[in-house]
C-alpha atoms as a PDB file:
ATOM      1  CA  MET A   1      17.819-164.683  29.544  1.00  0.00           C
ATOM      2  CA  GLY A   2      20.156-161.091  27.843  1.00  0.00           C
ATOM      3  CA  LEU A   3      22.250-160.519  25.791  1.00  0.00           C
ATOM      4  CA  GLU A   4      25.549-161.787  25.790  1.00  0.00           C
ATOM      5  CA  ARG A   5      27.580-160.332  23.185  1.00  0.00           C
ATOM      6  CA  LEU A   6      27.637-157.818  21.458  1.00  0.00           C
ATOM      7  CA  ASN A   7      30.097-156.076  18.750  1.00  0.00           C
ATOM      8  CA  LEU A   8      30.251-152.791  17.552  1.00  0.00           C
ATOM      9  CA  SER A   9      33.450-152.591  16.224  1.00  0.00           C
ATOM     10  CA  HIS A  10      34.159-150.549  13.172  1.00  0.00           C
ATOM     11  CA  SER A  11      30.513-149.477  12.806  1.00  0.00           C
ATOM     12  CA  SER A  12      30.546-145.366  11.619  1.00  0.00           C
ATOM     13  CA  PHE A  13      28.828-144.795  15.154  1.00  0.00           C
ATOM     14  CA  SER A  14      30.481-141.630  16.729  1.00  0.00           C
ATOM     15  CA  GLY A  15      30.285-139.002  19.907  1.00  0.00           C
ATOM     16  CA  PRO A  16      30.258-140.097  23.620  1.00  0.00           C
ATOM     17  CA  ALA A  17      29.248-143.964  23.932  1.00  0.00           C
ATOM     18  CA  PRO A  18      25.810-145.385  24.872  1.00  0.00           C
ATOM     19  CA  THR A  19      25.057-145.176  28.215  1.00  0.00           C
ATOM     20  CA  LYS A  20      22.427-147.716  27.390  1.00  0.00           C
ATOM     21  CA  LEU A  21      25.659-150.194  27.780  1.00  0.00           C
ATOM     22  CA  LEU A  22      25.654-150.261  31.325  1.00  0.00           C
ATOM     23  CA  GLN A  23      21.742-150.985  31.095  1.00  0.00           C
ATOM     24  CA  LEU A  24      23.246-154.206  29.344  1.00  0.00           C
ATOM     25  CA  THR A  25      24.175-156.132  32.295  1.00  0.00           C
ATOM     26  CA  LYS A  26      24.507-159.925  30.809  1.00  0.00           C
ATOM     27  CA  LEU A  27      27.637-159.119  28.942  1.00  0.00           C
ATOM     28  CA  VAL A  28      29.977-161.414  28.619  1.00  0.00           C
ATOM     29  CA  SER A  29      31.721-159.564  25.725  1.00  0.00           C
ATOM     30  CA  LEU A  30      32.069-156.296  24.464  1.00  0.00           C
ATOM     31  CA  ASP A  31      33.665-155.577  21.224  1.00  0.00           C
ATOM     32  CA  LEU A  32      34.042-151.338  21.261  1.00  0.00           C
ATOM     33  CA  SER A  33      37.132-151.858  18.412  1.00  0.00           C
ATOM     34  CA  TYR A  34      38.080-149.590  15.256  1.00  0.00           C
ATOM     35  CA  SER A  35      34.819-147.168  16.405  1.00  0.00           C
ATOM     36  CA  SER A  36      34.559-143.019  16.713  1.00  0.00           C
ATOM     37  CA  PHE A  37      33.562-144.203  20.009  1.00  0.00           C
ATOM     38  CA  SER A  38      34.866-141.847  23.679  1.00  0.00           C
ATOM     39  CA  ILE A  39      34.975-143.021  26.107  1.00  0.00           C
ATOM     40  CA  ASP A  40      36.284-140.870  29.418  1.00  0.00           C
ATOM     41  CA  GLU A  41      36.487-141.861  32.828  1.00  0.00           C
ATOM     42  CA  SER A  42      33.282-141.376  34.327  1.00  0.00           C
ATOM     43  CA  PHE A  43      32.153-144.028  31.756  1.00  0.00           C
ATOM     44  CA  LEU A  44      35.054-146.171  32.397  1.00  0.00           C
ATOM     45  CA  ARG A  45      34.020-146.674  36.801  1.00  0.00           C
ATOM     46  CA  LEU A  46      30.425-147.124  35.532  1.00  0.00           C
ATOM     47  CA  LEU A  47      31.459-149.922  33.005  1.00  0.00           C
ATOM     48  CA  ALA A  48      33.695-151.901  35.697  1.00  0.00           C
ATOM     49  CA  GLN A  49      31.018-151.092  38.843  1.00  0.00           C
ATOM     50  CA  ASN A  50      27.955-152.198  35.431  1.00  0.00           C
ATOM     51  CA  LEU A  51      28.864-154.833  34.050  1.00  0.00           C
ATOM     52  CA  ARG A  52      30.138-157.352  36.514  1.00  0.00           C
ATOM     53  CA  ASN A  53      29.653-160.243  34.217  1.00  0.00           C
ATOM     54  CA  LEU A  54      32.470-158.764  31.943  1.00  0.00           C
ATOM     55  CA  ARG A  55      35.042-161.651  30.288  1.00  0.00           C
ATOM     56  CA  GLU A  56      35.654-160.192  27.215  1.00  0.00           C
ATOM     57  CA  LEU A  57      36.215-155.930  26.718  1.00  0.00           C
ATOM     58  CA  ASP A  58      37.860-154.456  23.054  1.00  0.00           C
ATOM     59  CA  MET A  59      38.255-151.549  23.296  1.00  0.00           C
ATOM     60  CA  SER A  60      41.454-151.441  20.358  1.00  0.00           C
ATOM     61  CA  TRP A  61      41.837-148.162  18.728  1.00  0.00           C
ATOM     62  CA  VAL A  62      38.589-146.059  20.601  1.00  0.00           C
ATOM     63  CA  ASN A  63      39.192-142.608  21.850  1.00  0.00           C
ATOM     64  CA  ILE A  64      39.577-142.934  25.853  1.00  0.00           C
ATOM     65  CA  SER A  65      39.999-139.232  26.843  1.00  0.00           C
ATOM     66  CA  SER A  66      40.949-140.268  30.334  1.00  0.00           C
ATOM     67  CA  GLU A  67      43.894-143.022  31.978  1.00  0.00           C
ATOM     68  CA  ILE A  68      42.069-146.525  32.623  1.00  0.00           C
ATOM     69  CA  PRO A  69      40.887-147.156  36.666  1.00  0.00           C
ATOM     70  CA  ARG A  70      42.998-150.309  38.488  1.00  0.00           C
END
């Protein structure tokens, strides 16, 4: 058993999104909306590769510094 839902929305964290999030492989839902994280293409790629169980991802109003991979 592991963490399945993580809500960091409206948090005061800033800077690059922490790579430790990529180790939470049991996550089903991740909410980063309205946070001050900056997310780049490599983080998005690793997110898709590592979090295979993820079904809900909210990155509304997050600074994304590249195109979202398809």
